[in-house]
Amino acid sequence: MISMAEAEAALAAVRELVAADGGDIAVSATGDDHVALRLVLDTAECAECVMPRAFLETVALDMMKADLPGLARVEIDDPRE
């Protein structure tokens, strides 16, 4: 089981990527091999500048796997959809 603390730590680099466009991303749930994230765009100057959900899920999975080798799936709740 991936803990919330492990997921938060692994999310740091992804948060920096999203923050470049004024957004944020937070862990909403974890499981045995997956992490659910929530995209926060309340303060984003250009919400549409943030990567599309499907692409961001792939990027987040690749980046977070370095710290969470058992991670198989990342799901993002995107308020734009």
PDB file of N, CA and C in Angstrom:
ATOM      1  N   MET A   1       0.843  -1.187   0.000  1.00  0.00           N
ATOM      2  CA  MET A   1       0.000   0.000   0.000  1.00  0.00           C
ATOM      3  C   MET A   1       0.885   1.247   0.000  1.00  0.00           C
ATOM      4  N   ILE A   2       0.615   2.142  -0.898  1.00  0.00           N
ATOM      5  CA  ILE A   2       1.334   3.413  -0.965  1.00  0.00           C
ATOM      6  C   ILE A   2       0.721   4.356   0.071  1.00  0.00           C
ATOM      7  N   SER A   3       1.546   4.899   0.953  1.00  0.00           N
ATOM      8  CA  SER A   3       1.013   5.806   1.977  1.00  0.00           C
ATOM      9  C   SER A   3       0.837   7.209   1.397  1.00  0.00           C
ATOM     10  N   MET A   4       0.018   8.002   2.056  1.00  0.00           N
ATOM     11  CA  MET A   4      -0.193   9.391   1.639  1.00  0.00           C
ATOM     12  C   MET A   4       1.129  10.155   1.715  1.00  0.00           C
ATOM     13  N   ALA A   5       1.929   9.908   2.757  1.00  0.00           N
ATOM     14  CA  ALA A   5       3.214  10.599   2.914  1.00  0.00           C
ATOM     15  C   ALA A   5       4.172  10.254   1.777  1.00  0.00           C
ATOM     16  N   GLU A   6       4.212   8.981   1.388  1.00  0.00           N
ATOM     17  CA  GLU A   6       5.076   8.568   0.275  1.00  0.00           C
ATOM     18  C   GLU A   6       4.618   9.230  -1.025  1.00  0.00           C
ATOM     19  N   ALA A   7       3.313   9.259  -1.237  1.00  0.00           N
ATOM     20  CA  ALA A   7       2.768   9.866  -2.451  1.00  0.00           C
ATOM     21  C   ALA A   7       3.055  11.365  -2.486  1.00  0.00           C
ATOM     22  N   GLU A   8       2.885  12.038  -1.351  1.00  0.00           N
ATOM     23  CA  GLU A   8       3.165  13.485  -1.274  1.00  0.00           C
ATOM     24  C   GLU A   8       4.625  13.770  -1.613  1.00  0.00           C
ATOM     25  N   ALA A   9       5.536  12.966  -1.065  1.00  0.00           N
ATOM     26  CA  ALA A   9       6.957  13.161  -1.320  1.00  0.00           C
ATOM     27  C   ALA A   9       7.289  12.934  -2.793  1.00  0.00           C
ATOM     28  N   ALA A  10       6.707  11.901  -3.382  1.00  0.00           N
ATOM     29  CA  ALA A  10       6.967  11.582  -4.784  1.00  0.00           C
ATOM     30  C   ALA A  10       6.357  12.617  -5.730  1.00  0.00           C
ATOM     31  N   LEU A  11       5.359  13.349  -5.253  1.00  0.00           N
ATOM     32  CA  LEU A  11       4.642  14.328  -6.081  1.00  0.00           C
ATOM     33  C   LEU A  11       5.389  15.652  -6.224  1.00  0.00           C
ATOM     34  N   ALA A  12       6.422  15.883  -5.433  1.00  0.00           N
ATOM     35  CA  ALA A  12       7.110  17.179  -5.396  1.00  0.00           C
ATOM     36  C   ALA A  12       7.524  17.691  -6.777  1.00  0.00           C
ATOM     37  N   ALA A  13       8.151  16.867  -7.583  1.00  0.00           N
ATOM     38  CA  ALA A  13       8.616  17.309  -8.901  1.00  0.00           C
ATOM     39  C   ALA A  13       7.449  17.624  -9.835  1.00  0.00           C
ATOM     40  N   VAL A  14       6.379  16.857  -9.711  1.00  0.00           N
ATOM     41  CA  VAL A  14       5.194  17.102 -10.552  1.00  0.00           C
ATOM     42  C   VAL A  14       4.556  18.430 -10.155  1.00  0.00           C
ATOM     43  N   ARG A  15       4.528  18.703  -8.870  1.00  0.00           N
ATOM     44  CA  ARG A  15       3.962  19.978  -8.383  1.00  0.00           C
ATOM     45  C   ARG A  15       4.724  21.163  -8.968  1.00  0.00           C
ATOM     46  N   GLU A  16       6.039  21.048  -9.036  1.00  0.00           N
ATOM     47  CA  GLU A  16       6.853  22.132  -9.614  1.00  0.00           C
ATOM     48  C   GLU A  16       6.479  22.359 -11.071  1.00  0.00           C
ATOM     49  N   LEU A  17       6.256  21.272 -11.791  1.00  0.00           N
ATOM     50  CA  LEU A  17       5.898  21.352 -13.208  1.00  0.00           C
ATOM     51  C   LEU A  17       4.565  22.086 -13.386  1.00  0.00           C
ATOM     52  N   VAL A  18       3.583  21.737 -12.588  1.00  0.00           N
ATOM     53  CA  VAL A  18       2.254  22.359 -12.682  1.00  0.00           C
ATOM     54  C   VAL A  18       2.297  23.798 -12.169  1.00  0.00           C
ATOM     55  N   ALA A  19       3.124  24.047 -11.155  1.00  0.00           N
ATOM     56  CA  ALA A  19       3.239  25.393 -10.580  1.00  0.00           C
ATOM     57  C   ALA A  19       3.787  26.393 -11.585  1.00  0.00           C
ATOM     58  N   ALA A  20       4.548  25.925 -12.558  1.00  0.00           N
ATOM     59  CA  ALA A  20       5.091  26.812 -13.587  1.00  0.00           C
ATOM     60  C   ALA A  20       3.971  27.532 -14.345  1.00  0.00           C
ATOM     61  N   ASP A  21       2.786  26.907 -14.407  1.00  0.00           N
ATOM     62  CA  ASP A  21       1.626  27.519 -15.064  1.00  0.00           C
ATOM     63  C   ASP A  21       0.634  28.086 -14.057  1.00  0.00           C
ATOM     64  N   GLY A  22       1.035  28.164 -12.784  1.00  0.00           N
ATOM     65  CA  GLY A  22       0.192  28.768 -11.760  1.00  0.00           C
ATOM     66  C   GLY A  22      -0.780  27.818 -11.093  1.00  0.00           C
ATOM     67  N   GLY A  23      -0.712  26.538 -11.392  1.00  0.00           N
ATOM     68  CA  GLY A  23      -1.618  25.574 -10.782  1.00  0.00           C
ATOM     69  C   GLY A  23      -0.949  24.818  -9.651  1.00  0.00           C
ATOM     70  N   ASP A  24      -1.656  23.848  -9.138  1.00  0.00           N
ATOM     71  CA  ASP A  24      -1.125  22.972  -8.102  1.00  0.00           C
ATOM     72  C   ASP A  24      -1.754  21.603  -8.301  1.00  0.00           C
ATOM     73  N   ILE A  25      -1.190  20.612  -7.636  1.00  0.00           N
ATOM     74  CA  ILE A  25      -1.726  19.262  -7.721  1.00  0.00           C
ATOM     75  C   ILE A  25      -1.567  18.633  -6.345  1.00  0.00           C
ATOM     76  N   ALA A  26      -2.581  17.895  -5.906  1.00  0.00           N
ATOM     77  CA  ALA A  26      -2.580  17.337  -4.561  1.00  0.00           C
ATOM     78  C   ALA A  26      -2.989  15.873  -4.593  1.00  0.00           C
ATOM     79  N   VAL A  27      -2.505  15.124  -3.618  1.00  0.00           N
ATOM     80  CA  VAL A  27      -2.882  13.721  -3.480  1.00  0.00           C
ATOM     81  C   VAL A  27      -4.265  13.666  -2.842  1.00  0.00           C
ATOM     82  N   SER A  28      -5.183  12.913  -3.449  1.00  0.00           N
ATOM     83  CA  SER A  28      -6.511  12.766  -2.859  1.00  0.00           C
ATOM     84  C   SER A  28      -6.742  11.365  -2.315  1.00  0.00           C
ATOM     85  N   ALA A  29      -6.018  10.369  -2.834  1.00  0.00           N
ATOM     86  CA  ALA A  29      -6.163   8.997  -2.334  1.00  0.00           C
ATOM     87  C   ALA A  29      -4.997   8.153  -2.833  1.00  0.00           C
ATOM     88  N   THR A  30      -4.749   7.060  -2.117  1.00  0.00           N
ATOM     89  CA  THR A  30      -3.713   6.115  -2.534  1.00  0.00           C
ATOM     90  C   THR A  30      -4.260   4.699  -2.423  1.00  0.00           C
ATOM     91  N   GLY A  31      -3.604   3.781  -3.121  1.00  0.00           N
ATOM     92  CA  GLY A  31      -3.982   2.371  -3.066  1.00  0.00           C
ATOM     93  C   GLY A  31      -2.742   1.508  -3.134  1.00  0.00           C
ATOM     94  N   ASP A  32      -2.926   0.245  -3.409  1.00  0.00           N
ATOM     95  CA  ASP A  32      -1.791  -0.682  -3.476  1.00  0.00           C
ATOM     96  C   ASP A  32      -0.802  -0.299  -4.568  1.00  0.00           C
ATOM     97  N   ASP A  33      -1.320   0.083  -5.739  1.00  0.00           N
ATOM     98  CA  ASP A  33      -0.437   0.373  -6.870  1.00  0.00           C
ATOM     99  C   ASP A  33      -0.843   1.626  -7.632  1.00  0.00           C
ATOM    100  N   HIS A  34      -1.659   2.460  -7.000  1.00  0.00           N
ATOM    101  CA  HIS A  34      -2.112   3.674  -7.694  1.00  0.00           C
ATOM    102  C   HIS A  34      -2.215   4.860  -6.745  1.00  0.00           C
ATOM    103  N   VAL A  35      -2.211   6.031  -7.371  1.00  0.00           N
ATOM    104  CA  VAL A  35      -2.367   7.286  -6.641  1.00  0.00           C
ATOM    105  C   VAL A  35      -3.403   8.126  -7.384  1.00  0.00           C
ATOM    106  N   ALA A  36      -4.345   8.686  -6.641  1.00  0.00           N
ATOM    107  CA  ALA A  36      -5.334   9.602  -7.213  1.00  0.00           C
ATOM    108  C   ALA A  36      -4.918  11.016  -6.843  1.00  0.00           C
ATOM    109  N   LEU A  37      -4.906  11.885  -7.846  1.00  0.00           N
ATOM    110  CA  LEU A  37      -4.492  13.271  -7.658  1.00  0.00           C
ATOM    111  C   LEU A  37      -5.626  14.211  -8.042  1.00  0.00           C
ATOM    112  N   ARG A  38      -5.572  15.422  -7.519  1.00  0.00           N
ATOM    113  CA  ARG A  38      -6.562  16.445  -7.852  1.00  0.00           C
ATOM    114  C   ARG A  38      -5.814  17.669  -8.360  1.00  0.00           C
ATOM    115  N   LEU A  39      -6.136  18.092  -9.563  1.00  0.00           N
ATOM    116  CA  LEU A  39      -5.530  19.275 -10.160  1.00  0.00           C
ATOM    117  C   LEU A  39      -6.250  20.510  -9.620  1.00  0.00           C
ATOM    118  N   VAL A  40      -5.479  21.466  -9.106  1.00  0.00           N
ATOM    119  CA  VAL A  40      -6.039  22.688  -8.518  1.00  0.00           C
ATOM    120  C   VAL A  40      -5.632  23.860  -9.404  1.00  0.00           C
ATOM    121  N   LEU A  41      -6.626  24.514  -9.990  1.00  0.00           N
ATOM    122  CA  LEU A  41      -6.345  25.599 -10.940  1.00  0.00           C
ATOM    123  C   LEU A  41      -6.938  26.930 -10.497  1.00  0.00           C
ATOM    124  N   ASP A  42      -7.328  27.054  -9.233  1.00  0.00           N
ATOM    125  CA  ASP A  42      -7.972  28.267  -8.719  1.00  0.00           C
ATOM    126  C   ASP A  42      -7.134  29.519  -8.955  1.00  0.00           C
ATOM    127  N   THR A  43      -5.815  29.409  -8.809  1.00  0.00           N
ATOM    128  CA  THR A  43      -4.952  30.583  -8.944  1.00  0.00           C
ATOM    129  C   THR A  43      -4.165  30.593 -10.253  1.00  0.00           C
ATOM    130  N   ALA A  44      -4.437  29.651 -11.121  1.00  0.00           N
ATOM    131  CA  ALA A  44      -3.708  29.580 -12.395  1.00  0.00           C
ATOM    132  C   ALA A  44      -4.082  30.758 -13.283  1.00  0.00           C
ATOM    133  N   GLU A  45      -3.071  31.457 -13.773  1.00  0.00           N
ATOM    134  CA  GLU A  45      -3.324  32.576 -14.681  1.00  0.00           C
ATOM    135  C   GLU A  45      -3.810  32.063 -16.033  1.00  0.00           C
ATOM    136  N   CYS A  46      -3.373  30.860 -16.382  1.00  0.00           N
ATOM    137  CA  CYS A  46      -3.761  30.266 -17.659  1.00  0.00           C
ATOM    138  C   CYS A  46      -4.060  28.791 -17.428  1.00  0.00           C
ATOM    139  N   ALA A  47      -5.284  28.488 -17.023  1.00  0.00           N
ATOM    140  CA  ALA A  47      -5.660  27.102 -16.727  1.00  0.00           C
ATOM    141  C   ALA A  47      -5.473  26.199 -17.945  1.00  0.00           C
ATOM    142  N   GLU A  48      -5.716  26.740 -19.124  1.00  0.00           N
ATOM    143  CA  GLU A  48      -5.569  25.933 -20.339  1.00  0.00           C
ATOM    144  C   GLU A  48      -4.104  25.687 -20.706  1.00  0.00           C
ATOM    145  N   CYS A  49      -3.189  26.424 -20.067  1.00  0.00           N
ATOM    146  CA  CYS A  49      -1.758  26.226 -20.324  1.00  0.00           C
ATOM    147  C   CYS A  49      -1.237  24.965 -19.626  1.00  0.00           C
ATOM    148  N   VAL A  50      -1.931  24.533 -18.574  1.00  0.00           N
ATOM    149  CA  VAL A  50      -1.536  23.312 -17.867  1.00  0.00           C
ATOM    150  C   VAL A  50      -1.790  22.125 -18.803  1.00  0.00           C
ATOM    151  N   MET A  51      -0.872  21.161 -18.781  1.00  0.00           N
ATOM    152  CA  MET A  51      -0.977  19.995 -19.662  1.00  0.00           C
ATOM    153  C   MET A  51      -2.353  19.333 -19.573  1.00  0.00           C
ATOM    154  N   PRO A  52      -2.828  18.756 -20.662  1.00  0.00           N
ATOM    155  CA  PRO A  52      -4.093  18.012 -20.632  1.00  0.00           C
ATOM    156  C   PRO A  52      -3.989  16.838 -19.651  1.00  0.00           C
ATOM    157  N   ARG A  53      -5.115  16.447 -19.086  1.00  0.00           N
ATOM    158  CA  ARG A  53      -5.153  15.405 -18.063  1.00  0.00           C
ATOM    159  C   ARG A  53      -4.435  14.122 -18.475  1.00  0.00           C
ATOM    160  N   ALA A  54      -4.758  13.571 -19.633  1.00  0.00           N
ATOM    161  CA  ALA A  54      -4.174  12.287 -20.046  1.00  0.00           C
ATOM    162  C   ALA A  54      -2.648  12.368 -20.135  1.00  0.00           C
ATOM    163  N   PHE A  55      -2.141  13.458 -20.688  1.00  0.00           N
ATOM    164  CA  PHE A  55      -0.689  13.634 -20.804  1.00  0.00           C
ATOM    165  C   PHE A  55      -0.066  13.830 -19.423  1.00  0.00           C
ATOM    166  N   LEU A  56      -0.717  14.615 -18.582  1.00  0.00           N
ATOM    167  CA  LEU A  56      -0.210  14.865 -17.238  1.00  0.00           C
ATOM    168  C   LEU A  56      -0.193  13.580 -16.408  1.00  0.00           C
ATOM    169  N   GLU A  57      -1.182  12.707 -16.600  1.00  0.00           N
ATOM    170  CA  GLU A  57      -1.183  11.423 -15.895  1.00  0.00           C
ATOM    171  C   GLU A  57       0.038  10.592 -16.277  1.00  0.00           C
ATOM    172  N   THR A  58       0.379  10.574 -17.550  1.00  0.00           N
ATOM    173  CA  THR A  58       1.544   9.824 -18.018  1.00  0.00           C
ATOM    174  C   THR A  58       2.833  10.417 -17.462  1.00  0.00           C
ATOM    175  N   VAL A  59       2.954  11.726 -17.510  1.00  0.00           N
ATOM    176  CA  VAL A  59       4.145  12.405 -16.989  1.00  0.00           C
ATOM    177  C   VAL A  59       4.273  12.177 -15.484  1.00  0.00           C
ATOM    178  N   ALA A  60       3.171  12.307 -14.752  1.00  0.00           N
ATOM    179  CA  ALA A  60       3.191  12.112 -13.296  1.00  0.00           C
ATOM    180  C   ALA A  60       3.590  10.674 -12.958  1.00  0.00           C
ATOM    181  N   LEU A  61       3.053   9.713 -13.678  1.00  0.00           N
ATOM    182  CA  LEU A  61       3.399   8.308 -13.440  1.00  0.00           C
ATOM    183  C   LEU A  61       4.893   8.091 -13.630  1.00  0.00           C
ATOM    184  N   ASP A  62       5.416   8.577 -14.736  1.00  0.00           N
ATOM    185  CA  ASP A  62       6.853   8.420 -15.019  1.00  0.00           C
ATOM    186  C   ASP A  62       7.711   9.083 -13.945  1.00  0.00           C
ATOM    187  N   MET A  63       7.355  10.276 -13.536  1.00  0.00           N
ATOM    188  CA  MET A  63       8.146  11.010 -12.551  1.00  0.00           C
ATOM    189  C   MET A  63       8.040  10.390 -11.156  1.00  0.00           C
ATOM    190  N   MET A  64       6.855   9.939 -10.783  1.00  0.00           N
ATOM    191  CA  MET A  64       6.642   9.421  -9.435  1.00  0.00           C
ATOM    192  C   MET A  64       7.177   8.003  -9.251  1.00  0.00           C
ATOM    193  N   LYS A  65       7.308   7.250 -10.350  1.00  0.00           N
ATOM    194  CA  LYS A  65       7.812   5.881 -10.271  1.00  0.00           C
ATOM    195  C   LYS A  65       9.226   5.822  -9.710  1.00  0.00           C
ATOM    196  N   ALA A  66      10.001   6.872  -9.885  1.00  0.00           N
ATOM    197  CA  ALA A  66      11.366   6.893  -9.347  1.00  0.00           C
ATOM    198  C   ALA A  66      11.354   6.714  -7.834  1.00  0.00           C
ATOM    199  N   ASP A  67      10.345   7.286  -7.159  1.00  0.00           N
ATOM    200  CA  ASP A  67      10.235   7.184  -5.704  1.00  0.00           C
ATOM    201  C   ASP A  67       9.266   6.093  -5.256  1.00  0.00           C
ATOM    202  N   LEU A  68       8.386   5.689  -6.161  1.00  0.00           N
ATOM    203  CA  LEU A  68       7.372   4.666  -5.843  1.00  0.00           C
ATOM    204  C   LEU A  68       7.437   3.557  -6.892  1.00  0.00           C
ATOM    205  N   PRO A  69       8.413   2.648  -6.808  1.00  0.00           N
ATOM    206  CA  PRO A  69       8.599   1.637  -7.853  1.00  0.00           C
ATOM    207  C   PRO A  69       7.381   0.735  -8.091  1.00  0.00           C
ATOM    208  N   GLY A  70       6.511   0.580  -7.093  1.00  0.00           N
ATOM    209  CA  GLY A  70       5.321  -0.255  -7.263  1.00  0.00           C
ATOM    210  C   GLY A  70       4.144   0.464  -7.894  1.00  0.00           C
ATOM    211  N   LEU A  71       4.321   1.730  -8.221  1.00  0.00           N
ATOM    212  CA  LEU A  71       3.232   2.535  -8.792  1.00  0.00           C
ATOM    213  C   LEU A  71       2.929   2.076 -10.217  1.00  0.00           C
ATOM    214  N   ALA A  72       1.667   1.761 -10.469  1.00  0.00           N
ATOM    215  CA  ALA A  72       1.256   1.291 -11.793  1.00  0.00           C
ATOM    216  C   ALA A  72       0.313   2.262 -12.498  1.00  0.00           C
ATOM    217  N   ARG A  73      -0.353   3.135 -11.716  1.00  0.00           N
ATOM    218  CA  ARG A  73      -1.371   4.008 -12.323  1.00  0.00           C
ATOM    219  C   ARG A  73      -1.516   5.294 -11.521  1.00  0.00           C
ATOM    220  N   VAL A  74      -1.685   6.397 -12.250  1.00  0.00           N
ATOM    221  CA  VAL A  74      -1.987   7.687 -11.658  1.00  0.00           C
ATOM    222  C   VAL A  74      -3.276   8.184 -12.312  1.00  0.00           C
ATOM    223  N   GLU A  75      -4.217   8.607 -11.483  1.00  0.00           N
ATOM    224  CA  GLU A  75      -5.468   9.170 -11.979  1.00  0.00           C
ATOM    225  C   GLU A  75      -5.566  10.609 -11.492  1.00  0.00           C
ATOM    226  N   ILE A  76      -5.936  11.506 -12.388  1.00  0.00           N
ATOM    227  CA  ILE A  76      -6.033  12.924 -12.023  1.00  0.00           C
ATOM    228  C   ILE A  76      -7.453  13.430 -12.241  1.00  0.00           C
ATOM    229  N   ASP A  77      -8.003  14.035 -11.199  1.00  0.00           N
ATOM    230  CA  ASP A  77      -9.295  14.702 -11.287  1.00  0.00           C
ATOM    231  C   ASP A  77      -9.016  16.105 -11.805  1.00  0.00           C
ATOM    232  N   ASP A  78      -9.445  16.392 -13.020  1.00  0.00           N
ATOM    233  CA  ASP A  78      -9.149  17.658 -13.680  1.00  0.00           C
ATOM    234  C   ASP A  78     -10.427  18.505 -13.737  1.00  0.00           C
ATOM    235  N   PRO A  79     -10.465  19.652 -13.083  1.00  0.00           N
ATOM    236  CA  PRO A  79     -11.683  20.480 -13.066  1.00  0.00           C
ATOM    237  C   PRO A  79     -12.064  21.042 -14.430  1.00  0.00           C
ATOM    238  N   ARG A  80     -11.189  20.947 -15.406  1.00  0.00           N
ATOM    239  CA  ARG A  80     -11.490  21.458 -16.749  1.00  0.00           C
ATOM    240  C   ARG A  80     -12.389  20.500 -17.515  1.00  0.00           C
ATOM    241  N   GLU A  81     -12.545  19.283 -17.021  1.00  0.00           N
ATOM    242  CA  GLU A  81     -13.354  18.285 -17.745  1.00  0.00           C
ATOM    243  C   GLU A  81     -14.726  18.136 -17.154  1.00  0.00           C
TER     244      GLU A  81
END
